[in-house]
Amino acid sequence: MVIPKRVGAIMKQFEIVSEPINPEKYREWTLNSRQGAIVVFTGHVREWTKGIKTEYLAYEAYKPMAEKKMAQIGEEIEKKWPGTIIAIAHRIGELQISDIAVVISVSSPHRHDAYAANEYAIERIKEIVPIWKKEIWEDGEEWQGSQKQYHSSIKMED
């Protein structure tokens, strides 16, 4: 396991937060002299989803288990892409349009692994991390059982 250089504010490598996310502190956490690439992904609250206008989102999480599952994703990534360093944060509470909901920073000696590991991380977060999203629209609201589902009035294409 590569130990990153610690810079800036104190943080956990895998964390659920209630305050706005600063992606730079996660990027800095994954930076060291052996890494040649850092890929930072930020997921934001969008205004429109499948033609439905979002007013805001509300996220909840079972924090101890969510952080444990994010750490599991980190371990999976270290095994698949040796030499990578990853930090993940997901915000809970009410988030407005354009707020950052999630940040994933992955560094590696070469860019290909950083890109691949970052994409893997967001897909695994949606699969295994106990975070629940409530979408609030102009015409109602709905808890999403999975981040891959949308407004119940929309028919999903096969």
N, C-alpha and C. Protein backbone atom coordinates (compact mmCIF):
# COMPACT_ATOMS: atom_id res chain seq x y z
N MET A 1 0.85 -1.19 0.00
CA MET A 1 0.00 0.00 0.00
C MET A 1 0.88 1.24 0.00
N VAL A 2 0.60 2.16 -0.89
CA VAL A 2 1.35 3.41 -0.99
C VAL A 2 0.75 4.41 -0.01
N ILE A 3 1.57 5.02 0.81
CA ILE A 3 1.09 6.03 1.76
C ILE A 3 1.28 7.40 1.13
N PRO A 4 0.18 8.14 0.92
CA PRO A 4 0.28 9.44 0.27
C PRO A 4 0.82 10.52 1.19
N LYS A 5 1.33 11.56 0.57
CA LYS A 5 1.76 12.75 1.28
C LYS A 5 0.50 13.46 1.78
N ARG A 6 0.47 13.85 3.03
CA ARG A 6 -0.72 14.52 3.59
C ARG A 6 -0.52 16.02 3.51
N VAL A 7 -1.48 16.67 2.86
CA VAL A 7 -1.42 18.11 2.68
C VAL A 7 -2.80 18.68 3.01
N GLY A 8 -2.83 19.87 3.58
CA GLY A 8 -4.10 20.56 3.77
C GLY A 8 -4.90 20.04 4.95
N ALA A 9 -6.23 20.20 4.84
CA ALA A 9 -7.14 19.87 5.93
C ALA A 9 -7.11 18.38 6.27
N ILE A 10 -7.36 18.10 7.53
CA ILE A 10 -7.43 16.72 7.99
C ILE A 10 -8.69 16.09 7.41
N MET A 11 -8.54 14.88 6.91
CA MET A 11 -9.66 14.18 6.31
C MET A 11 -9.43 12.70 6.43
N LYS A 12 -10.49 11.94 6.18
CA LYS A 12 -10.37 10.49 6.10
C LYS A 12 -10.28 10.12 4.62
N GLN A 13 -9.65 9.02 4.34
CA GLN A 13 -9.49 8.57 2.96
C GLN A 13 -10.84 8.23 2.33
N PHE A 14 -11.75 7.68 3.12
CA PHE A 14 -13.09 7.32 2.66
C PHE A 14 -14.07 7.91 3.66
N GLU A 15 -14.87 8.87 3.21
CA GLU A 15 -15.73 9.53 4.20
C GLU A 15 -17.06 10.00 3.64
N ILE A 16 -18.02 10.03 4.56
CA ILE A 16 -19.33 10.62 4.32
C ILE A 16 -19.29 11.97 5.02
N VAL A 17 -19.65 13.03 4.29
CA VAL A 17 -19.57 14.38 4.84
C VAL A 17 -20.91 15.09 4.70
N SER A 18 -21.11 16.09 5.54
CA SER A 18 -22.35 16.88 5.46
C SER A 18 -22.09 18.30 4.98
N GLU A 19 -20.84 18.66 4.86
CA GLU A 19 -20.47 20.00 4.39
C GLU A 19 -20.09 19.93 2.90
N PRO A 20 -20.07 21.08 2.21
CA PRO A 20 -19.65 21.08 0.80
C PRO A 20 -18.28 20.43 0.62
N ILE A 21 -18.13 19.73 -0.49
CA ILE A 21 -16.90 18.99 -0.79
C ILE A 21 -15.92 19.88 -1.55
N ASN A 22 -14.67 19.89 -1.10
CA ASN A 22 -13.59 20.58 -1.78
C ASN A 22 -12.74 19.52 -2.50
N PRO A 23 -12.90 19.35 -3.81
CA PRO A 23 -12.17 18.29 -4.52
C PRO A 23 -10.65 18.40 -4.40
N GLU A 24 -10.14 19.60 -4.24
CA GLU A 24 -8.69 19.79 -4.20
C GLU A 24 -8.05 19.05 -3.03
N LYS A 25 -8.71 19.00 -1.88
CA LYS A 25 -8.09 18.31 -0.74
C LYS A 25 -7.99 16.81 -0.99
N TYR A 26 -8.91 16.24 -1.76
CA TYR A 26 -8.84 14.81 -2.09
C TYR A 26 -7.77 14.55 -3.16
N ARG A 27 -7.64 15.48 -4.10
CA ARG A 27 -6.58 15.38 -5.10
C ARG A 27 -5.22 15.43 -4.41
N GLU A 28 -5.05 16.39 -3.51
CA GLU A 28 -3.78 16.51 -2.79
C GLU A 28 -3.49 15.26 -1.96
N TRP A 29 -4.52 14.65 -1.40
CA TRP A 29 -4.34 13.45 -0.58
C TRP A 29 -3.74 12.32 -1.39
N THR A 30 -4.07 12.23 -2.68
CA THR A 30 -3.60 11.12 -3.52
C THR A 30 -2.28 11.43 -4.25
N LEU A 31 -1.76 12.61 -4.07
CA LEU A 31 -0.55 13.04 -4.77
C LEU A 31 0.71 12.63 -4.03
N ASN A 32 1.66 12.08 -4.76
CA ASN A 32 3.02 11.90 -4.24
C ASN A 32 3.98 11.82 -5.42
N SER A 33 5.26 11.73 -5.14
CA SER A 33 6.28 11.80 -6.19
C SER A 33 6.31 10.58 -7.11
N ARG A 34 5.68 9.49 -6.74
CA ARG A 34 5.66 8.28 -7.58
C ARG A 34 4.50 8.26 -8.57
N GLN A 35 3.55 9.15 -8.37
CA GLN A 35 2.35 9.14 -9.20
C GLN A 35 2.52 10.07 -10.39
N GLY A 36 2.20 9.56 -11.58
CA GLY A 36 2.31 10.37 -12.79
C GLY A 36 0.98 10.90 -13.28
N ALA A 37 -0.12 10.45 -12.66
CA ALA A 37 -1.45 10.88 -13.10
C ALA A 37 -2.40 10.89 -11.92
N ILE A 38 -3.30 11.86 -11.94
CA ILE A 38 -4.41 11.91 -10.99
C ILE A 38 -5.67 12.21 -11.79
N VAL A 39 -6.69 11.39 -11.57
CA VAL A 39 -7.99 11.63 -12.18
C VAL A 39 -8.96 11.93 -11.05
N VAL A 40 -9.60 13.10 -11.12
CA VAL A 40 -10.58 13.50 -10.12
C VAL A 40 -11.95 13.56 -10.79
N PHE A 41 -12.89 12.80 -10.25
CA PHE A 41 -14.26 12.81 -10.72
C PHE A 41 -15.12 13.51 -9.68
N THR A 42 -15.96 14.44 -10.12
CA THR A 42 -16.95 15.02 -9.23
C THR A 42 -18.32 14.80 -9.85
N GLY A 43 -19.23 14.26 -9.05
CA GLY A 43 -20.61 14.07 -9.48
C GLY A 43 -21.44 15.19 -8.89
N HIS A 44 -22.21 15.85 -9.73
CA HIS A 44 -22.98 17.04 -9.31
C HIS A 44 -24.48 16.80 -9.41
N VAL A 45 -25.24 17.58 -8.67
CA VAL A 45 -26.70 17.56 -8.77
C VAL A 45 -27.06 18.27 -10.07
N ARG A 46 -27.78 17.55 -10.94
CA ARG A 46 -28.19 18.16 -12.21
C ARG A 46 -29.63 18.63 -12.11
N GLU A 47 -29.94 19.61 -12.92
CA GLU A 47 -31.28 20.20 -12.89
C GLU A 47 -32.33 19.34 -13.58
N TRP A 48 -31.95 18.66 -14.65
CA TRP A 48 -32.90 17.88 -15.43
C TRP A 48 -32.46 16.42 -15.49
N THR A 49 -33.38 15.51 -15.22
CA THR A 49 -33.14 14.08 -15.33
C THR A 49 -34.29 13.48 -16.12
N LYS A 50 -33.98 12.99 -17.31
CA LYS A 50 -34.99 12.33 -18.16
C LYS A 50 -36.23 13.22 -18.35
N GLY A 51 -36.01 14.52 -18.53
CA GLY A 51 -37.12 15.44 -18.79
C GLY A 51 -37.85 15.95 -17.57
N ILE A 52 -37.42 15.55 -16.38
CA ILE A 52 -38.05 16.00 -15.13
C ILE A 52 -37.12 17.00 -14.46
N LYS A 53 -37.68 18.16 -14.09
CA LYS A 53 -36.87 19.20 -13.44
C LYS A 53 -36.69 18.90 -11.95
N THR A 54 -35.43 18.83 -11.55
CA THR A 54 -35.08 18.59 -10.14
C THR A 54 -34.98 19.92 -9.42
N GLU A 55 -35.60 20.00 -8.25
CA GLU A 55 -35.46 21.19 -7.40
C GLU A 55 -34.19 21.06 -6.55
N TYR A 56 -34.02 19.91 -5.90
CA TYR A 56 -32.83 19.60 -5.13
C TYR A 56 -32.84 18.11 -4.82
N LEU A 57 -31.74 17.59 -4.29
CA LEU A 57 -31.64 16.21 -3.86
C LEU A 57 -31.37 16.15 -2.36
N ALA A 58 -31.82 15.08 -1.74
CA ALA A 58 -31.51 14.84 -0.33
C ALA A 58 -30.89 13.44 -0.25
N TYR A 59 -29.70 13.37 0.32
CA TYR A 59 -29.01 12.10 0.48
C TYR A 59 -28.97 11.72 1.96
N GLU A 60 -29.12 10.42 2.21
CA GLU A 60 -28.93 9.86 3.53
C GLU A 60 -28.00 8.65 3.38
N ALA A 61 -27.32 8.32 4.47
CA ALA A 61 -26.43 7.17 4.44
C ALA A 61 -26.34 6.56 5.81
N TYR A 62 -26.08 5.27 5.83
CA TYR A 62 -25.68 4.61 7.06
C TYR A 62 -24.17 4.77 7.09
N LYS A 63 -23.74 5.84 7.77
CA LYS A 63 -22.35 6.30 7.67
C LYS A 63 -21.29 5.24 7.97
N PRO A 64 -21.38 4.50 9.09
CA PRO A 64 -20.31 3.51 9.35
C PRO A 64 -20.19 2.47 8.24
N MET A 65 -21.32 1.96 7.77
CA MET A 65 -21.28 0.95 6.72
C MET A 65 -20.87 1.56 5.39
N ALA A 66 -21.33 2.77 5.09
CA ALA A 66 -20.97 3.43 3.83
C ALA A 66 -19.46 3.63 3.75
N GLU A 67 -18.86 4.12 4.83
CA GLU A 67 -17.42 4.33 4.82
C GLU A 67 -16.66 3.01 4.73
N LYS A 68 -17.19 1.97 5.37
CA LYS A 68 -16.57 0.64 5.29
C LYS A 68 -16.64 0.12 3.85
N LYS A 69 -17.77 0.30 3.18
CA LYS A 69 -17.92 -0.16 1.81
C LYS A 69 -17.04 0.65 0.85
N MET A 70 -16.88 1.96 1.11
CA MET A 70 -15.98 2.75 0.28
C MET A 70 -14.54 2.27 0.45
N ALA A 71 -14.17 1.93 1.68
CA ALA A 71 -12.82 1.38 1.92
C ALA A 71 -12.66 0.04 1.19
N GLN A 72 -13.72 -0.76 1.15
CA GLN A 72 -13.68 -2.03 0.40
C GLN A 72 -13.40 -1.76 -1.08
N ILE A 73 -14.06 -0.74 -1.62
CA ILE A 73 -13.82 -0.36 -3.02
C ILE A 73 -12.36 0.03 -3.21
N GLY A 74 -11.82 0.78 -2.26
CA GLY A 74 -10.41 1.14 -2.32
C GLY A 74 -9.50 -0.07 -2.34
N GLU A 75 -9.82 -1.08 -1.53
CA GLU A 75 -9.02 -2.31 -1.51
C GLU A 75 -9.13 -3.05 -2.84
N GLU A 76 -10.34 -3.10 -3.40
CA GLU A 76 -10.54 -3.75 -4.70
C GLU A 76 -9.68 -3.06 -5.77
N ILE A 77 -9.65 -1.75 -5.73
CA ILE A 77 -8.89 -0.98 -6.71
C ILE A 77 -7.39 -1.22 -6.55
N GLU A 78 -6.91 -1.24 -5.31
CA GLU A 78 -5.49 -1.49 -5.08
C GLU A 78 -5.07 -2.86 -5.62
N LYS A 79 -5.97 -3.84 -5.54
CA LYS A 79 -5.65 -5.19 -6.06
C LYS A 79 -5.68 -5.20 -7.59
N LYS A 80 -6.66 -4.54 -8.19
CA LYS A 80 -6.80 -4.53 -9.65
C LYS A 80 -5.76 -3.64 -10.33
N TRP A 81 -5.41 -2.53 -9.69
CA TRP A 81 -4.46 -1.57 -10.25
C TRP A 81 -3.41 -1.24 -9.18
N PRO A 82 -2.41 -2.12 -9.01
CA PRO A 82 -1.38 -1.88 -7.99
C PRO A 82 -0.69 -0.52 -8.18
N GLY A 83 -0.41 0.11 -7.06
CA GLY A 83 0.25 1.42 -7.10
C GLY A 83 -0.71 2.59 -7.12
N THR A 84 -2.02 2.32 -7.19
CA THR A 84 -2.98 3.42 -7.17
C THR A 84 -3.23 3.87 -5.73
N ILE A 85 -3.62 5.12 -5.62
CA ILE A 85 -4.05 5.69 -4.34
C ILE A 85 -5.42 6.31 -4.61
N ILE A 86 -6.37 6.05 -3.73
CA ILE A 86 -7.73 6.54 -3.94
C ILE A 86 -8.27 7.20 -2.69
N ALA A 87 -9.06 8.23 -2.88
CA ALA A 87 -9.80 8.88 -1.80
C ALA A 87 -11.21 9.15 -2.34
N ILE A 88 -12.20 8.90 -1.50
CA ILE A 88 -13.60 9.08 -1.89
C ILE A 88 -14.35 9.81 -0.79
N ALA A 89 -15.19 10.76 -1.18
CA ALA A 89 -16.12 11.41 -0.24
C ALA A 89 -17.48 11.51 -0.91
N HIS A 90 -18.53 11.29 -0.12
CA HIS A 90 -19.89 11.47 -0.59
C HIS A 90 -20.61 12.36 0.42
N ARG A 91 -21.32 13.32 -0.09
CA ARG A 91 -22.03 14.27 0.77
C ARG A 91 -23.45 13.78 1.05
N ILE A 92 -23.93 14.05 2.26
CA ILE A 92 -25.31 13.76 2.62
C ILE A 92 -26.00 15.06 3.02
N GLY A 93 -27.32 15.01 3.13
CA GLY A 93 -28.11 16.19 3.44
C GLY A 93 -28.75 16.72 2.16
N GLU A 94 -29.25 17.95 2.23
CA GLU A 94 -29.88 18.57 1.06
C GLU A 94 -28.82 19.22 0.19
N LEU A 95 -28.83 18.87 -1.10
CA LEU A 95 -27.88 19.42 -2.06
C LEU A 95 -28.65 20.15 -3.15
N GLN A 96 -28.18 21.33 -3.48
CA GLN A 96 -28.81 22.16 -4.49
C GLN A 96 -28.23 21.84 -5.87
N ILE A 97 -28.87 22.37 -6.90
CA ILE A 97 -28.40 22.17 -8.26
C ILE A 97 -26.94 22.62 -8.37
N SER A 98 -26.13 21.79 -8.98
CA SER A 98 -24.70 21.98 -9.21
C SER A 98 -23.81 21.68 -8.01
N ASP A 99 -24.38 21.41 -6.84
CA ASP A 99 -23.55 21.01 -5.70
C ASP A 99 -22.85 19.69 -6.02
N ILE A 100 -21.69 19.49 -5.42
CA ILE A 100 -20.96 18.23 -5.58
C ILE A 100 -21.52 17.21 -4.61
N ALA A 101 -21.95 16.06 -5.13
CA ALA A 101 -22.46 14.98 -4.30
C ALA A 101 -21.36 13.98 -3.95
N VAL A 102 -20.44 13.75 -4.90
CA VAL A 102 -19.38 12.77 -4.69
C VAL A 102 -18.10 13.23 -5.36
N VAL A 103 -16.98 12.93 -4.72
CA VAL A 103 -15.67 13.14 -5.33
C VAL A 103 -14.88 11.85 -5.20
N ILE A 104 -14.20 11.51 -6.29
CA ILE A 104 -13.31 10.35 -6.31
C ILE A 104 -12.00 10.83 -6.90
N SER A 105 -10.92 10.68 -6.16
CA SER A 105 -9.60 11.02 -6.66
C SER A 105 -8.76 9.76 -6.68
N VAL A 106 -8.21 9.46 -7.85
CA VAL A 106 -7.34 8.29 -8.00
C VAL A 106 -6.04 8.74 -8.64
N SER A 107 -4.93 8.38 -8.01
CA SER A 107 -3.63 8.63 -8.62
C SER A 107 -2.97 7.29 -8.91
N SER A 108 -2.10 7.32 -9.91
CA SER A 108 -1.36 6.11 -10.29
C SER A 108 -0.10 6.53 -11.03
N PRO A 109 0.83 5.60 -11.18
CA PRO A 109 2.04 5.93 -11.93
C PRO A 109 1.74 6.31 -13.39
N HIS A 110 0.66 5.75 -13.97
CA HIS A 110 0.31 6.02 -15.37
C HIS A 110 -1.17 6.32 -15.50
N ARG A 111 -1.55 7.14 -16.46
CA ARG A 111 -2.92 7.65 -16.58
C ARG A 111 -3.98 6.58 -16.81
N HIS A 112 -3.66 5.56 -17.59
CA HIS A 112 -4.67 4.55 -17.91
C HIS A 112 -5.27 3.95 -16.64
N ASP A 113 -4.44 3.57 -15.69
CA ASP A 113 -4.94 2.97 -14.46
C ASP A 113 -5.78 3.95 -13.64
N ALA A 114 -5.38 5.22 -13.63
CA ALA A 114 -6.14 6.22 -12.88
C ALA A 114 -7.54 6.40 -13.47
N TYR A 115 -7.63 6.46 -14.79
CA TYR A 115 -8.95 6.57 -15.44
C TYR A 115 -9.80 5.34 -15.16
N ALA A 116 -9.24 4.16 -15.38
CA ALA A 116 -10.00 2.91 -15.22
C ALA A 116 -10.46 2.73 -13.77
N ALA A 117 -9.58 3.00 -12.83
CA ALA A 117 -9.92 2.83 -11.42
C ALA A 117 -10.98 3.83 -10.98
N ASN A 118 -10.94 5.04 -11.50
CA ASN A 118 -11.92 6.04 -11.14
C ASN A 118 -13.31 5.63 -11.63
N GLU A 119 -13.40 5.17 -12.86
CA GLU A 119 -14.69 4.72 -13.39
C GLU A 119 -15.22 3.52 -12.61
N TYR A 120 -14.33 2.59 -12.29
CA TYR A 120 -14.69 1.43 -11.49
C TYR A 120 -15.28 1.87 -10.14
N ALA A 121 -14.64 2.86 -9.52
CA ALA A 121 -15.07 3.33 -8.20
C ALA A 121 -16.50 3.86 -8.22
N ILE A 122 -16.85 4.70 -9.19
CA ILE A 122 -18.21 5.26 -9.19
C ILE A 122 -19.25 4.19 -9.44
N GLU A 123 -18.94 3.23 -10.30
CA GLU A 123 -19.90 2.15 -10.54
C GLU A 123 -20.09 1.29 -9.30
N ARG A 124 -19.00 1.01 -8.59
CA ARG A 124 -19.10 0.21 -7.36
C ARG A 124 -19.82 0.96 -6.24
N ILE A 125 -19.61 2.27 -6.16
CA ILE A 125 -20.34 3.07 -5.16
C ILE A 125 -21.84 2.88 -5.37
N LYS A 126 -22.28 2.98 -6.60
CA LYS A 126 -23.71 2.84 -6.91
C LYS A 126 -24.22 1.43 -6.63
N GLU A 127 -23.34 0.45 -6.69
CA GLU A 127 -23.74 -0.95 -6.46
C GLU A 127 -23.79 -1.34 -4.99
N ILE A 128 -22.82 -0.91 -4.17
CA ILE A 128 -22.69 -1.51 -2.84
C ILE A 128 -22.71 -0.54 -1.65
N VAL A 129 -22.60 0.75 -1.87
CA VAL A 129 -22.52 1.68 -0.74
C VAL A 129 -23.93 2.11 -0.32
N PRO A 130 -24.27 1.95 0.98
CA PRO A 130 -25.62 2.29 1.44
C PRO A 130 -25.84 3.80 1.56
N ILE A 131 -26.09 4.39 0.41
CA ILE A 131 -26.43 5.82 0.31
C ILE A 131 -27.76 5.89 -0.44
N TRP A 132 -28.70 6.63 0.13
CA TRP A 132 -30.02 6.73 -0.48
C TRP A 132 -30.28 8.16 -0.93
N LYS A 133 -30.91 8.27 -2.09
CA LYS A 133 -31.12 9.57 -2.71
C LYS A 133 -32.62 9.83 -2.84
N LYS A 134 -33.04 11.00 -2.41
CA LYS A 134 -34.43 11.44 -2.60
C LYS A 134 -34.39 12.57 -3.61
N GLU A 135 -35.12 12.39 -4.70
CA GLU A 135 -35.22 13.43 -5.71
C GLU A 135 -36.46 14.26 -5.43
N ILE A 136 -36.31 15.56 -5.39
CA ILE A 136 -37.42 16.48 -5.16
C ILE A 136 -37.61 17.26 -6.45
N TRP A 137 -38.81 17.13 -7.05
CA TRP A 137 -39.13 17.77 -8.32
C TRP A 137 -40.19 18.84 -8.12
N GLU A 138 -40.50 19.53 -9.18
CA GLU A 138 -41.58 20.52 -9.15
C GLU A 138 -42.90 19.87 -8.77
N ASP A 139 -43.10 18.61 -9.20
CA ASP A 139 -44.40 17.96 -9.03
C ASP A 139 -44.40 16.82 -8.01
N GLY A 140 -43.39 16.74 -7.16
CA GLY A 140 -43.36 15.69 -6.16
C GLY A 140 -41.96 15.30 -5.76
N GLU A 141 -41.87 14.16 -5.12
CA GLU A 141 -40.58 13.67 -4.64
C GLU A 141 -40.64 12.16 -4.56
N GLU A 142 -39.46 11.55 -4.57
CA GLU A 142 -39.40 10.09 -4.52
C GLU A 142 -38.03 9.64 -4.06
N TRP A 143 -38.01 8.68 -3.11
CA TRP A 143 -36.76 8.04 -2.73
C TRP A 143 -36.38 7.07 -3.83
N GLN A 144 -35.13 7.08 -4.19
CA GLN A 144 -34.64 6.18 -5.21
C GLN A 144 -34.04 4.96 -4.53
N GLY A 145 -34.51 3.77 -4.92
CA GLY A 145 -33.99 2.53 -4.35
C GLY A 145 -32.59 2.23 -4.85
N SER A 146 -32.27 2.79 -6.00
CA SER A 146 -30.95 2.61 -6.60
C SER A 146 -30.66 3.89 -7.36
N GLN A 147 -29.42 4.31 -7.37
CA GLN A 147 -29.09 5.54 -8.08
C GLN A 147 -29.25 5.37 -9.58
N LYS A 148 -29.50 4.17 -10.03
CA LYS A 148 -29.69 3.93 -11.46
C LYS A 148 -31.16 4.01 -11.87
N GLN A 149 -32.07 4.26 -10.93
CA GLN A 149 -33.49 4.39 -11.24
C GLN A 149 -33.88 5.86 -11.26
N TYR A 150 -35.02 6.17 -11.91
CA TYR A 150 -35.47 7.55 -12.02
C TYR A 150 -36.94 7.66 -11.67
N HIS A 151 -37.48 8.82 -11.84
CA HIS A 151 -38.86 9.17 -11.60
C HIS A 151 -39.78 8.03 -12.04
N SER A 152 -40.71 7.63 -11.18
CA SER A 152 -41.56 6.46 -11.45
C SER A 152 -42.46 6.63 -12.66
N SER A 153 -42.68 7.86 -13.11
CA SER A 153 -43.55 8.08 -14.27
C SER A 153 -42.83 7.87 -15.60
N ILE A 154 -41.53 7.65 -15.56
CA ILE A 154 -40.76 7.50 -16.78
C ILE A 154 -40.58 6.04 -17.10
N LYS A 155 -40.85 5.69 -18.33
CA LYS A 155 -40.59 4.31 -18.78
C LYS A 155 -39.15 4.24 -19.25
N MET A 156 -38.42 3.32 -18.67
CA MET A 156 -37.01 3.16 -19.05
C MET A 156 -36.92 2.33 -20.32
N GLU A 157 -36.01 2.72 -21.21
CA GLU A 157 -35.79 1.97 -22.43
C GLU A 157 -34.95 0.74 -22.12
N ASP A 158 -35.19 -0.33 -22.88
CA ASP A 158 -34.40 -1.55 -22.69
C ASP A 158 -33.04 -1.41 -23.30
